[in-house]
Amino acid sequence: MKNSQSAEALADQIKRRFSKSFLDVLILKLIAAGPTWGYNIIKKTEAEYGVRLRHGALYPTLNDLEQKGLVKSRRELQKGRARKVYEITSSGSQFLEVYYAFIKGHLASATDQKHAGN
């Protein structure tokens, strides 16, 4: 590597950039794993991607995803507290499938082009 950054440091930069640029996809992915609530999304984002997600970024994104029909929410009482729990819809699952197929195809195409040039 020309730069003295480690692969780990570069991976960390990519994770952070991805989580900021594709916040909607990241949130859908977390919700697809199972019904969850805002605070849990914040904690998982920090643990998995090293990014502190602010309420001011999360809740507008969740509202947008819900308006687009990609997630749905319900109020749930847990430990005496009302919590808004989000679940992915079939449209949200389809969105993720198309996204993954696009990325997979695009990466395969880039790899094919790289090998063709050698």
PDB file of N, CA and C in Angstrom:
ATOM      1  N   MET A   1       0.828  -1.179   0.000  1.00  0.00           N
ATOM      2  CA  MET A   1       0.000   0.000   0.000  1.00  0.00           C
ATOM      3  C   MET A   1       0.877   1.248   0.000  1.00  0.00           C
ATOM      4  N   LYS A   2       0.476   2.205  -0.799  1.00  0.00           N
ATOM      5  CA  LYS A   2       1.206   3.458  -0.862  1.00  0.00           C
ATOM      6  C   LYS A   2       1.076   4.202   0.459  1.00  0.00           C
ATOM      7  N   ASN A   3      -0.137   4.212   1.001  1.00  0.00           N
ATOM      8  CA  ASN A   3      -0.416   4.866   2.267  1.00  0.00           C
ATOM      9  C   ASN A   3      -0.109   3.885   3.393  1.00  0.00           C
ATOM     10  N   SER A   4       0.309   4.422   4.525  1.00  0.00           N
ATOM     11  CA  SER A   4       0.681   3.540   5.631  1.00  0.00           C
ATOM     12  C   SER A   4      -0.510   3.092   6.482  1.00  0.00           C
ATOM     13  N   GLN A   5      -1.726   3.361   6.025  1.00  0.00           N
ATOM     14  CA  GLN A   5      -2.902   2.935   6.781  1.00  0.00           C
ATOM     15  C   GLN A   5      -3.041   1.421   6.730  1.00  0.00           C
ATOM     16  N   SER A   6      -3.472   0.870   7.830  1.00  0.00           N
ATOM     17  CA  SER A   6      -3.688  -0.573   7.870  1.00  0.00           C
ATOM     18  C   SER A   6      -5.005  -0.926   7.188  1.00  0.00           C
ATOM     19  N   ALA A   7      -5.139  -2.172   6.817  1.00  0.00           N
ATOM     20  CA  ALA A   7      -6.383  -2.652   6.216  1.00  0.00           C
ATOM     21  C   ALA A   7      -7.542  -2.450   7.183  1.00  0.00           C
ATOM     22  N   GLU A   8      -7.281  -2.621   8.469  1.00  0.00           N
ATOM     23  CA  GLU A   8      -8.320  -2.437   9.486  1.00  0.00           C
ATOM     24  C   GLU A   8      -8.800  -0.980   9.521  1.00  0.00           C
ATOM     25  N   ALA A   9      -7.878  -0.045   9.444  1.00  0.00           N
ATOM     26  CA  ALA A   9      -8.236   1.376   9.451  1.00  0.00           C
ATOM     27  C   ALA A   9      -9.032   1.735   8.205  1.00  0.00           C
ATOM     28  N   LEU A  10      -8.635   1.179   7.067  1.00  0.00           N
ATOM     29  CA  LEU A  10      -9.376   1.424   5.829  1.00  0.00           C
ATOM     30  C   LEU A  10     -10.774   0.829   5.892  1.00  0.00           C
ATOM     31  N   ALA A  11     -10.889  -0.377   6.435  1.00  0.00           N
ATOM     32  CA  ALA A  11     -12.202  -1.006   6.590  1.00  0.00           C
ATOM     33  C   ALA A  11     -13.092  -0.164   7.491  1.00  0.00           C
ATOM     34  N   ASP A  12     -12.518   0.400   8.534  1.00  0.00           N
ATOM     35  CA  ASP A  12     -13.271   1.259   9.439  1.00  0.00           C
ATOM     36  C   ASP A  12     -13.777   2.499   8.705  1.00  0.00           C
ATOM     37  N   GLN A  13     -12.946   3.099   7.880  1.00  0.00           N
ATOM     38  CA  GLN A  13     -13.356   4.271   7.097  1.00  0.00           C
ATOM     39  C   GLN A  13     -14.488   3.919   6.145  1.00  0.00           C
ATOM     40  N   ILE A  14     -14.392   2.770   5.509  1.00  0.00           N
ATOM     41  CA  ILE A  14     -15.435   2.340   4.572  1.00  0.00           C
ATOM     42  C   ILE A  14     -16.748   2.103   5.299  1.00  0.00           C
ATOM     43  N   LYS A  15     -16.693   1.453   6.469  1.00  0.00           N
ATOM     44  CA  LYS A  15     -17.902   1.213   7.265  1.00  0.00           C
ATOM     45  C   LYS A  15     -18.593   2.528   7.608  1.00  0.00           C
ATOM     46  N   ARG A  16     -17.812   3.505   8.047  1.00  0.00           N
ATOM     47  CA  ARG A  16     -18.385   4.797   8.425  1.00  0.00           C
ATOM     48  C   ARG A  16     -18.971   5.521   7.223  1.00  0.00           C
ATOM     49  N   ARG A  17     -18.243   5.496   6.126  1.00  0.00           N
ATOM     50  CA  ARG A  17     -18.741   6.159   4.924  1.00  0.00           C
ATOM     51  C   ARG A  17     -20.018   5.493   4.431  1.00  0.00           C
ATOM     52  N   PHE A  18     -20.044   4.174   4.429  1.00  0.00           N
ATOM     53  CA  PHE A  18     -21.232   3.439   4.003  1.00  0.00           C
ATOM     54  C   PHE A  18     -22.429   3.782   4.883  1.00  0.00           C
ATOM     55  N   SER A  19     -22.198   3.768   6.206  1.00  0.00           N
ATOM     56  CA  SER A  19     -23.309   3.999   7.125  1.00  0.00           C
ATOM     57  C   SER A  19     -23.876   5.411   6.988  1.00  0.00           C
ATOM     58  N   LYS A  20     -23.055   6.365   6.598  1.00  0.00           N
ATOM     59  CA  LYS A  20     -23.546   7.729   6.408  1.00  0.00           C
ATOM     60  C   LYS A  20     -24.217   7.898   5.051  1.00  0.00           C
ATOM     61  N   SER A  21     -23.661   7.279   4.030  1.00  0.00           N
ATOM     62  CA  SER A  21     -24.186   7.432   2.675  1.00  0.00           C
ATOM     63  C   SER A  21     -25.418   6.569   2.413  1.00  0.00           C
ATOM     64  N   PHE A  22     -25.487   5.439   3.051  1.00  0.00           N
ATOM     65  CA  PHE A  22     -26.576   4.499   2.817  1.00  0.00           C
ATOM     66  C   PHE A  22     -27.329   4.192   4.110  1.00  0.00           C
ATOM     67  N   LEU A  23     -27.655   5.244   4.836  1.00  0.00           N
ATOM     68  CA  LEU A  23     -28.313   5.083   6.131  1.00  0.00           C
ATOM     69  C   LEU A  23     -29.628   4.328   6.005  1.00  0.00           C
ATOM     70  N   ASP A  24     -30.400   4.620   4.962  1.00  0.00           N
ATOM     71  CA  ASP A  24     -31.676   3.931   4.794  1.00  0.00           C
ATOM     72  C   ASP A  24     -31.483   2.428   4.603  1.00  0.00           C
ATOM     73  N   VAL A  25     -30.481   2.045   3.822  1.00  0.00           N
ATOM     74  CA  VAL A  25     -30.203   0.622   3.587  1.00  0.00           C
ATOM     75  C   VAL A  25     -29.727  -0.039   4.883  1.00  0.00           C
ATOM     76  N   LEU A  26     -28.858   0.653   5.599  1.00  0.00           N
ATOM     77  CA  LEU A  26     -28.335   0.131   6.861  1.00  0.00           C
ATOM     78  C   LEU A  26     -29.476  -0.107   7.858  1.00  0.00           C
ATOM     79  N   ILE A  27     -30.378   0.854   7.970  1.00  0.00           N
ATOM     80  CA  ILE A  27     -31.508   0.722   8.895  1.00  0.00           C
ATOM     81  C   ILE A  27     -32.430  -0.411   8.458  1.00  0.00           C
ATOM     82  N   LEU A  28     -32.704  -0.503   7.171  1.00  0.00           N
ATOM     83  CA  LEU A  28     -33.534  -1.611   6.676  1.00  0.00           C
ATOM     84  C   LEU A  28     -32.899  -2.955   6.999  1.00  0.00           C
ATOM     85  N   LYS A  29     -31.593  -3.050   6.807  1.00  0.00           N
ATOM     86  CA  LYS A  29     -30.876  -4.301   7.097  1.00  0.00           C
ATOM     87  C   LYS A  29     -31.034  -4.674   8.567  1.00  0.00           C
ATOM     88  N   LEU A  30     -30.903  -3.704   9.464  1.00  0.00           N
ATOM     89  CA  LEU A  30     -31.044  -3.980  10.894  1.00  0.00           C
ATOM     90  C   LEU A  30     -32.476  -4.386  11.247  1.00  0.00           C
ATOM     91  N   ILE A  31     -33.448  -3.730  10.636  1.00  0.00           N
ATOM     92  CA  ILE A  31     -34.854  -4.053  10.909  1.00  0.00           C
ATOM     93  C   ILE A  31     -35.214  -5.414  10.309  1.00  0.00           C
ATOM     94  N   ALA A  32     -34.601  -5.752   9.178  1.00  0.00           N
ATOM     95  CA  ALA A  32     -34.875  -7.050   8.539  1.00  0.00           C
ATOM     96  C   ALA A  32     -34.475  -8.213   9.433  1.00  0.00           C
ATOM     97  N   ALA A  33     -33.520  -8.001  10.316  1.00  0.00           N
ATOM     98  CA  ALA A  33     -33.072  -9.055  11.234  1.00  0.00           C
ATOM     99  C   ALA A  33     -34.137  -9.375  12.275  1.00  0.00           C
ATOM    100  N   GLY A  34     -35.091  -8.486  12.461  1.00  0.00           N
ATOM    101  CA  GLY A  34     -36.170  -8.710  13.412  1.00  0.00           C
ATOM    102  C   GLY A  34     -36.724  -7.386  13.901  1.00  0.00           C
ATOM    103  N   PRO A  35     -37.973  -7.389  14.343  1.00  0.00           N
ATOM    104  CA  PRO A  35     -38.580  -6.151  14.826  1.00  0.00           C
ATOM    105  C   PRO A  35     -37.693  -5.471  15.874  1.00  0.00           C
ATOM    106  N   THR A  36     -37.579  -4.164  15.775  1.00  0.00           N
ATOM    107  CA  THR A  36     -36.703  -3.432  16.677  1.00  0.00           C
ATOM    108  C   THR A  36     -37.213  -2.002  16.863  1.00  0.00           C
ATOM    109  N   TRP A  37     -36.581  -1.271  17.752  1.00  0.00           N
ATOM    110  CA  TRP A  37     -36.981   0.097  18.066  1.00  0.00           C
ATOM    111  C   TRP A  37     -35.774   1.020  17.892  1.00  0.00           C
ATOM    112  N   GLY A  38     -36.029   2.312  17.902  1.00  0.00           N
ATOM    113  CA  GLY A  38     -35.004   3.301  17.611  1.00  0.00           C
ATOM    114  C   GLY A  38     -33.737   3.186  18.422  1.00  0.00           C
ATOM    115  N   TYR A  39     -33.861   3.113  19.740  1.00  0.00           N
ATOM    116  CA  TYR A  39     -32.667   3.052  20.598  1.00  0.00           C
ATOM    117  C   TYR A  39     -31.819   1.831  20.264  1.00  0.00           C
ATOM    118  N   ASN A  40     -32.471   0.718  19.986  1.00  0.00           N
ATOM    119  CA  ASN A  40     -31.759  -0.508  19.628  1.00  0.00           C
ATOM    120  C   ASN A  40     -31.015  -0.342  18.300  1.00  0.00           C
ATOM    121  N   ILE A  41     -31.628   0.359  17.351  1.00  0.00           N
ATOM    122  CA  ILE A  41     -30.974   0.633  16.067  1.00  0.00           C
ATOM    123  C   ILE A  41     -29.727   1.474  16.294  1.00  0.00           C
ATOM    124  N   ILE A  42     -29.836   2.472  17.151  1.00  0.00           N
ATOM    125  CA  ILE A  42     -28.693   3.330  17.471  1.00  0.00           C
ATOM    126  C   ILE A  42     -27.553   2.506  18.062  1.00  0.00           C
ATOM    127  N   LYS A  43     -27.867   1.633  19.016  1.00  0.00           N
ATOM    128  CA  LYS A  43     -26.842   0.811  19.666  1.00  0.00           C
ATOM    129  C   LYS A  43     -26.203  -0.177  18.678  1.00  0.00           C
ATOM    130  N   LYS A  44     -27.020  -0.808  17.839  1.00  0.00           N
ATOM    131  CA  LYS A  44     -26.490  -1.773  16.870  1.00  0.00           C
ATOM    132  C   LYS A  44     -25.620  -1.085  15.826  1.00  0.00           C
ATOM    133  N   THR A  45     -26.011   0.107  15.397  1.00  0.00           N
ATOM    134  CA  THR A  45     -25.226   0.859  14.422  1.00  0.00           C
ATOM    135  C   THR A  45     -23.860   1.198  14.990  1.00  0.00           C
ATOM    136  N   GLU A  46     -23.846   1.590  16.250  1.00  0.00           N
ATOM    137  CA  GLU A  46     -22.576   1.920  16.896  1.00  0.00           C
ATOM    138  C   GLU A  46     -21.705   0.671  17.058  1.00  0.00           C
ATOM    139  N   ALA A  47     -22.315  -0.436  17.482  1.00  0.00           N
ATOM    140  CA  ALA A  47     -21.555  -1.668  17.711  1.00  0.00           C
ATOM    141  C   ALA A  47     -21.044  -2.281  16.402  1.00  0.00           C
ATOM    142  N   GLU A  48     -21.883  -2.304  15.362  1.00  0.00           N
ATOM    143  CA  GLU A  48     -21.514  -2.979  14.122  1.00  0.00           C
ATOM    144  C   GLU A  48     -20.718  -2.112  13.153  1.00  0.00           C
ATOM    145  N   TYR A  49     -20.952  -0.793  13.199  1.00  0.00           N
ATOM    146  CA  TYR A  49     -20.331   0.079  12.205  1.00  0.00           C
ATOM    147  C   TYR A  49     -19.451   1.166  12.810  1.00  0.00           C
ATOM    148  N   GLY A  50     -19.424   1.259  14.130  1.00  0.00           N
ATOM    149  CA  GLY A  50     -18.608   2.260  14.783  1.00  0.00           C
ATOM    150  C   GLY A  50     -19.083   3.672  14.560  1.00  0.00           C
ATOM    151  N   VAL A  51     -20.363   3.822  14.259  1.00  0.00           N
ATOM    152  CA  VAL A  51     -20.936   5.133  13.969  1.00  0.00           C
ATOM    153  C   VAL A  51     -21.992   5.465  15.011  1.00  0.00           C
ATOM    154  N   ARG A  52     -21.860   6.656  15.585  1.00  0.00           N
ATOM    155  CA  ARG A  52     -22.875   7.130  16.520  1.00  0.00           C
ATOM    156  C   ARG A  52     -23.982   7.783  15.720  1.00  0.00           C
ATOM    157  N   LEU A  53     -25.120   7.150  15.705  1.00  0.00           N
ATOM    158  CA  LEU A  53     -26.270   7.635  14.964  1.00  0.00           C
ATOM    159  C   LEU A  53     -27.082   8.546  15.869  1.00  0.00           C
ATOM    160  N   ARG A  54     -27.326   9.747  15.430  1.00  0.00           N
ATOM    161  CA  ARG A  54     -28.087  10.705  16.228  1.00  0.00           C
ATOM    162  C   ARG A  54     -29.582  10.534  15.972  1.00  0.00           C
ATOM    163  N   HIS A  55     -30.357  10.866  17.003  1.00  0.00           N
ATOM    164  CA  HIS A  55     -31.811  10.811  16.878  1.00  0.00           C
ATOM    165  C   HIS A  55     -32.287  11.658  15.700  1.00  0.00           C
ATOM    166  N   GLY A  56     -31.633  12.796  15.497  1.00  0.00           N
ATOM    167  CA  GLY A  56     -31.999  13.716  14.426  1.00  0.00           C
ATOM    168  C   GLY A  56     -31.791  13.154  13.031  1.00  0.00           C
ATOM    169  N   ALA A  57     -30.993  12.108  12.907  1.00  0.00           N
ATOM    170  CA  ALA A  57     -30.803  11.424  11.625  1.00  0.00           C
ATOM    171  C   ALA A  57     -31.676  10.173  11.545  1.00  0.00           C
ATOM    172  N   LEU A  58     -31.806   9.471  12.666  1.00  0.00           N
ATOM    173  CA  LEU A  58     -32.526   8.195  12.674  1.00  0.00           C
ATOM    174  C   LEU A  58     -34.021   8.361  12.449  1.00  0.00           C
ATOM    175  N   TYR A  59     -34.674   9.160  13.264  1.00  0.00           N
ATOM    176  CA  TYR A  59     -36.135   9.202  13.218  1.00  0.00           C
ATOM    177  C   TYR A  59     -36.701   9.785  11.926  1.00  0.00           C
ATOM    178  N   PRO A  60     -36.091  10.817  11.347  1.00  0.00           N
ATOM    179  CA  PRO A  60     -36.583  11.242  10.027  1.00  0.00           C
ATOM    180  C   PRO A  60     -36.418  10.142   8.975  1.00  0.00           C
ATOM    181  N   THR A  61     -35.326   9.381   9.056  1.00  0.00           N
ATOM    182  CA  THR A  61     -35.116   8.278   8.109  1.00  0.00           C
ATOM    183  C   THR A  61     -36.161   7.193   8.321  1.00  0.00           C
ATOM    184  N   LEU A  62     -36.437   6.843   9.578  1.00  0.00           N
ATOM    185  CA  LEU A  62     -37.478   5.843   9.867  1.00  0.00           C
ATOM    186  C   LEU A  62     -38.837   6.316   9.357  1.00  0.00           C
ATOM    187  N   ASN A  63     -39.151   7.586   9.575  1.00  0.00           N
ATOM    188  CA  ASN A  63     -40.427   8.130   9.088  1.00  0.00           C
ATOM    189  C   ASN A  63     -40.501   8.065   7.574  1.00  0.00           C
ATOM    190  N   ASP A  64     -39.407   8.378   6.896  1.00  0.00           N
ATOM    191  CA  ASP A  64     -39.352   8.319   5.436  1.00  0.00           C
ATOM    192  C   ASP A  64     -39.536   6.880   4.946  1.00  0.00           C
ATOM    193  N   LEU A  65     -38.852   5.936   5.593  1.00  0.00           N
ATOM    194  CA  LEU A  65     -38.998   4.523   5.221  1.00  0.00           C
ATOM    195  C   LEU A  65     -40.433   4.048   5.416  1.00  0.00           C
ATOM    196  N   GLU A  66     -41.067   4.538   6.473  1.00  0.00           N
ATOM    197  CA  GLU A  66     -42.460   4.149   6.729  1.00  0.00           C
ATOM    198  C   GLU A  66     -43.395   4.768   5.694  1.00  0.00           C
ATOM    199  N   GLN A  67     -43.172   6.020   5.347  1.00  0.00           N
ATOM    200  CA  GLN A  67     -44.001   6.678   4.326  1.00  0.00           C
ATOM    201  C   GLN A  67     -43.872   5.993   2.972  1.00  0.00           C
ATOM    202  N   LYS A  68     -42.693   5.464   2.683  1.00  0.00           N
ATOM    203  CA  LYS A  68     -42.458   4.760   1.419  1.00  0.00           C
ATOM    204  C   LYS A  68     -42.989   3.328   1.462  1.00  0.00           C
ATOM    205  N   GLY A  69     -43.450   2.869   2.617  1.00  0.00           N
ATOM    206  CA  GLY A  69     -43.996   1.526   2.744  1.00  0.00           C
ATOM    207  C   GLY A  69     -42.940   0.442   2.903  1.00  0.00           C
ATOM    208  N   LEU A  70     -41.708   0.823   3.247  1.00  0.00           N
ATOM    209  CA  LEU A  70     -40.632  -0.156   3.392  1.00  0.00           C
ATOM    210  C   LEU A  70     -40.563  -0.731   4.806  1.00  0.00           C
ATOM    211  N   VAL A  71     -41.082   0.004   5.779  1.00  0.00           N
ATOM    212  CA  VAL A  71     -41.215  -0.483   7.153  1.00  0.00           C
ATOM    213  C   VAL A  71     -42.589  -0.093   7.667  1.00  0.00           C
ATOM    214  N   LYS A  72     -43.006  -0.781   8.687  1.00  0.00           N
ATOM    215  CA  LYS A  72     -44.245  -0.409   9.382  1.00  0.00           C
ATOM    216  C   LYS A  72     -43.934  -0.391  10.871  1.00  0.00           C
ATOM    217  N   SER A  73     -44.721   0.376  11.605  1.00  0.00           N
ATOM    218  CA  SER A  73     -44.468   0.477  13.039  1.00  0.00           C
ATOM    219  C   SER A  73     -45.745   0.188  13.815  1.00  0.00           C
ATOM    220  N   ARG A  74     -45.517  -0.147  15.077  1.00  0.00           N
ATOM    221  CA  ARG A  74     -46.642  -0.361  15.999  1.00  0.00           C
ATOM    222  C   ARG A  74     -46.180   0.065  17.383  1.00  0.00           C
ATOM    223  N   ARG A  75     -47.108   0.486  18.169  1.00  0.00           N
ATOM    224  CA  ARG A  75     -46.800   0.836  19.556  1.00  0.00           C
ATOM    225  C   ARG A  75     -46.868  -0.441  20.373  1.00  0.00           C
ATOM    226  N   GLU A  76     -45.878  -0.611  21.242  1.00  0.00           N
ATOM    227  CA  GLU A  76     -45.795  -1.802  22.076  1.00  0.00           C
ATOM    228  C   GLU A  76     -45.429  -1.375  23.488  1.00  0.00           C
ATOM    229  N   LEU A  77     -46.049  -2.002  24.454  1.00  0.00           N
ATOM    230  CA  LEU A  77     -45.728  -1.702  25.845  1.00  0.00           C
ATOM    231  C   LEU A  77     -44.706  -2.712  26.339  1.00  0.00           C
ATOM    232  N   GLN A  78     -43.524  -2.212  26.757  1.00  0.00           N
ATOM    233  CA  GLN A  78     -42.468  -3.080  27.275  1.00  0.00           C
ATOM    234  C   GLN A  78     -41.930  -2.475  28.559  1.00  0.00           C
ATOM    235  N   LYS A  79     -41.991  -3.257  29.615  1.00  0.00           N
ATOM    236  CA  LYS A  79     -41.506  -2.814  30.925  1.00  0.00           C
ATOM    237  C   LYS A  79     -42.128  -1.483  31.336  1.00  0.00           C
ATOM    238  N   GLY A  80     -43.418  -1.362  31.079  1.00  0.00           N
ATOM    239  CA  GLY A  80     -44.138  -0.163  31.472  1.00  0.00           C
ATOM    240  C   GLY A  80     -43.918   1.039  30.575  1.00  0.00           C
ATOM    241  N   ARG A  81     -43.177   0.871  29.490  1.00  0.00           N
ATOM    242  CA  ARG A  81     -42.893   1.976  28.577  1.00  0.00           C
ATOM    243  C   ARG A  81     -43.491   1.684  27.201  1.00  0.00           C
ATOM    244  N   ALA A  82     -44.067   2.716  26.619  1.00  0.00           N
ATOM    245  CA  ALA A  82     -44.559   2.586  25.253  1.00  0.00           C
ATOM    246  C   ALA A  82     -43.380   2.740  24.315  1.00  0.00           C
ATOM    247  N   ARG A  83     -43.276   1.829  23.383  1.00  0.00           N
ATOM    248  CA  ARG A  83     -42.154   1.831  22.459  1.00  0.00           C
ATOM    249  C   ARG A  83     -42.698   1.668  21.041  1.00  0.00           C
ATOM    250  N   LYS A  84     -42.128   2.387  20.111  1.00  0.00           N
ATOM    251  CA  LYS A  84     -42.511   2.232  18.713  1.00  0.00           C
ATOM    252  C   LYS A  84     -41.577   1.189  18.100  1.00  0.00           C
ATOM    253  N   VAL A  85     -42.151   0.071  17.706  1.00  0.00           N
ATOM    254  CA  VAL A  85     -41.382  -1.043  17.164  1.00  0.00           C
ATOM    255  C   VAL A  85     -41.566  -1.068  15.648  1.00  0.00           C
ATOM    256  N   TYR A  86     -40.444  -1.198  14.943  1.00  0.00           N
ATOM    257  CA  TYR A  86     -40.446  -1.196  13.483  1.00  0.00           C
ATOM    258  C   TYR A  86     -40.209  -2.598  12.947  1.00  0.00           C
ATOM    259  N   GLU A  87     -40.938  -2.905  11.866  1.00  0.00           N
ATOM    260  CA  GLU A  87     -40.772  -4.180  11.160  1.00  0.00           C
ATOM    261  C   GLU A  87     -40.623  -3.889   9.678  1.00  0.00           C
ATOM    262  N   ILE A  88     -39.874  -4.721   9.001  1.00  0.00           N
ATOM    263  CA  ILE A  88     -39.734  -4.554   7.557  1.00  0.00           C
ATOM    264  C   ILE A  88     -40.988  -5.092   6.874  1.00  0.00           C
ATOM    265  N   THR A  89     -41.389  -4.472   5.789  1.00  0.00           N
ATOM    266  CA  THR A  89     -42.530  -4.937   5.010  1.00  0.00           C
ATOM    267  C   THR A  89     -42.018  -5.789   3.848  1.00  0.00           C
ATOM    268  N   SER A  90     -42.934  -6.386   3.106  1.00  0.00           N
ATOM    269  CA  SER A  90     -42.508  -7.165   1.939  1.00  0.00           C
ATOM    270  C   SER A  90     -41.850  -6.242   0.916  1.00  0.00           C
ATOM    271  N   SER A  91     -42.317  -5.005   0.801  1.00  0.00           N
ATOM    272  CA  SER A  91     -41.676  -4.041  -0.106  1.00  0.00           C
ATOM    273  C   SER A  91     -40.261  -3.709   0.368  1.00  0.00           C
ATOM    274  N   GLY A  92     -40.079  -3.604   1.674  1.00  0.00           N
ATOM    275  CA  GLY A  92     -38.751  -3.342   2.229  1.00  0.00           C
ATOM    276  C   GLY A  92     -37.809  -4.499   1.972  1.00  0.00           C
ATOM    277  N   SER A  93     -38.307  -5.719   2.132  1.00  0.00           N
ATOM    278  CA  SER A  93     -37.491  -6.907   1.853  1.00  0.00           C
ATOM    279  C   SER A  93     -37.116  -6.958   0.379  1.00  0.00           C
ATOM    280  N   GLN A  94     -38.074  -6.633  -0.487  1.00  0.00           N
ATOM    281  CA  GLN A  94     -37.808  -6.616  -1.921  1.00  0.00           C
ATOM    282  C   GLN A  94     -36.762  -5.547  -2.258  1.00  0.00           C
ATOM    283  N   PHE A  95     -36.866  -4.383  -1.632  1.00  0.00           N
ATOM    284  CA  PHE A  95     -35.896  -3.311  -1.830  1.00  0.00           C
ATOM    285  C   PHE A  95     -34.488  -3.800  -1.496  1.00  0.00           C
ATOM    286  N   LEU A  96     -34.348  -4.473  -0.352  1.00  0.00           N
ATOM    287  CA  LEU A  96     -33.034  -4.989   0.044  1.00  0.00           C
ATOM    288  C   LEU A  96     -32.522  -6.042  -0.939  1.00  0.00           C
ATOM    289  N   GLU A  97     -33.410  -6.921  -1.401  1.00  0.00           N
ATOM    290  CA  GLU A  97     -33.007  -7.951  -2.366  1.00  0.00           C
ATOM    291  C   GLU A  97     -32.483  -7.313  -3.649  1.00  0.00           C
ATOM    292  N   VAL A  98     -33.184  -6.299  -4.142  1.00  0.00           N
ATOM    293  CA  VAL A  98     -32.762  -5.616  -5.361  1.00  0.00           C
ATOM    294  C   VAL A  98     -31.440  -4.885  -5.127  1.00  0.00           C
ATOM    295  N   TYR A  99     -31.309  -4.261  -3.974  1.00  0.00           N
ATOM    296  CA  TYR A  99     -30.070  -3.569  -3.621  1.00  0.00           C
ATOM    297  C   TYR A  99     -28.896  -4.557  -3.601  1.00  0.00           C
ATOM    298  N   TYR A 100     -29.067  -5.696  -2.911  1.00  0.00           N
ATOM    299  CA  TYR A 100     -28.000  -6.689  -2.828  1.00  0.00           C
ATOM    300  C   TYR A 100     -27.654  -7.238  -4.212  1.00  0.00           C
ATOM    301  N   ALA A 101     -28.662  -7.487  -5.043  1.00  0.00           N
ATOM    302  CA  ALA A 101     -28.421  -7.994  -6.394  1.00  0.00           C
ATOM    303  C   ALA A 101     -27.635  -6.967  -7.215  1.00  0.00           C
ATOM    304  N   PHE A 102     -27.992  -5.696  -7.071  1.00  0.00           N
ATOM    305  CA  PHE A 102     -27.282  -4.636  -7.786  1.00  0.00           C
ATOM    306  C   PHE A 102     -25.817  -4.592  -7.356  1.00  0.00           C
ATOM    307  N   ILE A 103     -25.589  -4.585  -6.047  1.00  0.00           N
ATOM    308  CA  ILE A 103     -24.218  -4.527  -5.531  1.00  0.00           C
ATOM    309  C   ILE A 103     -23.429  -5.755  -5.985  1.00  0.00           C
ATOM    310  N   LYS A 104     -24.029  -6.924  -5.859  1.00  0.00           N
ATOM    311  CA  LYS A 104     -23.350  -8.155  -6.254  1.00  0.00           C
ATOM    312  C   LYS A 104     -23.001  -8.121  -7.739  1.00  0.00           C
ATOM    313  N   GLY A 105     -23.933  -7.705  -8.557  1.00  0.00           N
ATOM    314  CA  GLY A 105     -23.699  -7.623  -9.990  1.00  0.00           C
ATOM    315  C   GLY A 105     -22.666  -6.575 -10.340  1.00  0.00           C
ATOM    316  N   HIS A 106     -22.721  -5.466  -9.663  1.00  0.00           N
ATOM    317  CA  HIS A 106     -21.779  -4.386  -9.926  1.00  0.00           C
ATOM    318  C   HIS A 106     -20.368  -4.782  -9.504  1.00  0.00           C
ATOM    319  N   LEU A 107     -20.250  -5.432  -8.365  1.00  0.00           N
ATOM    320  CA  LEU A 107     -18.932  -5.875  -7.908  1.00  0.00           C
ATOM    321  C   LEU A 107     -18.383  -6.964  -8.812  1.00  0.00           C
ATOM    322  N   ALA A 108     -19.250  -7.877  -9.241  1.00  0.00           N
ATOM    323  CA  ALA A 108     -18.814  -8.944 -10.146  1.00  0.00           C
ATOM    324  C   ALA A 108     -18.346  -8.327 -11.461  1.00  0.00           C
ATOM    325  N   SER A 109     -19.073  -7.323 -11.951  1.00  0.00           N
ATOM    326  CA  SER A 109     -18.706  -6.644 -13.189  1.00  0.00           C
ATOM    327  C   SER A 109     -17.351  -5.952 -13.056  1.00  0.00           C
ATOM    328  N   ALA A 110     -17.139  -5.291 -11.929  1.00  0.00           N
ATOM    329  CA  ALA A 110     -15.866  -4.610 -11.693  1.00  0.00           C
ATOM    330  C   ALA A 110     -14.721  -5.608 -11.608  1.00  0.00           C
ATOM    331  N   THR A 111     -14.965  -6.752 -10.969  1.00  0.00           N
ATOM    332  CA  THR A 111     -13.947  -7.800 -10.862  1.00  0.00           C
ATOM    333  C   THR A 111     -13.639  -8.385 -12.230  1.00  0.00           C
ATOM    334  N   ASP A 112     -14.687  -8.618 -13.030  1.00  0.00           N
ATOM    335  CA  ASP A 112     -14.496  -9.152 -14.382  1.00  0.00           C
ATOM    336  C   ASP A 112     -13.665  -8.188 -15.238  1.00  0.00           C
ATOM    337  N   GLN A 113     -13.946  -6.891 -15.121  1.00  0.00           N
ATOM    338  CA  GLN A 113     -13.215  -5.896 -15.893  1.00  0.00           C
ATOM    339  C   GLN A 113     -11.750  -5.854 -15.468  1.00  0.00           C
ATOM    340  N   LYS A 114     -11.514  -5.986 -14.164  1.00  0.00           N
ATOM    341  CA  LYS A 114     -10.137  -5.955 -13.646  1.00  0.00           C
ATOM    342  C   LYS A 114      -9.354  -7.142 -14.212  1.00  0.00           C
ATOM    343  N   HIS A 115      -9.979  -8.340 -14.180  1.00  0.00           N
ATOM    344  CA  HIS A 115      -9.286  -9.534 -14.660  1.00  0.00           C
ATOM    345  C   HIS A 115      -9.103  -9.508 -16.187  1.00  0.00           C
ATOM    346  N   ALA A 116     -10.022  -8.881 -16.886  1.00  0.00           N
ATOM    347  CA  ALA A 116      -9.912  -8.800 -18.344  1.00  0.00           C
ATOM    348  C   ALA A 116      -8.747  -7.896 -18.745  1.00  0.00           C
ATOM    349  N   GLY A 117      -8.440  -6.922 -17.900  1.00  0.00           N
ATOM    350  CA  GLY A 117      -7.341  -6.000 -18.198  1.00  0.00           C
ATOM    351  C   GLY A 117      -5.976  -6.589 -17.934  1.00  0.00           C
ATOM    352  N   ASN A 118      -5.889  -7.727 -17.225  1.00  0.00           N
ATOM    353  CA  ASN A 118      -4.595  -8.345 -16.907  1.00  0.00           C
ATOM    354  C   ASN A 118      -4.098  -9.225 -18.018  1.00  0.00           C
TER     355      ASN A 118
END
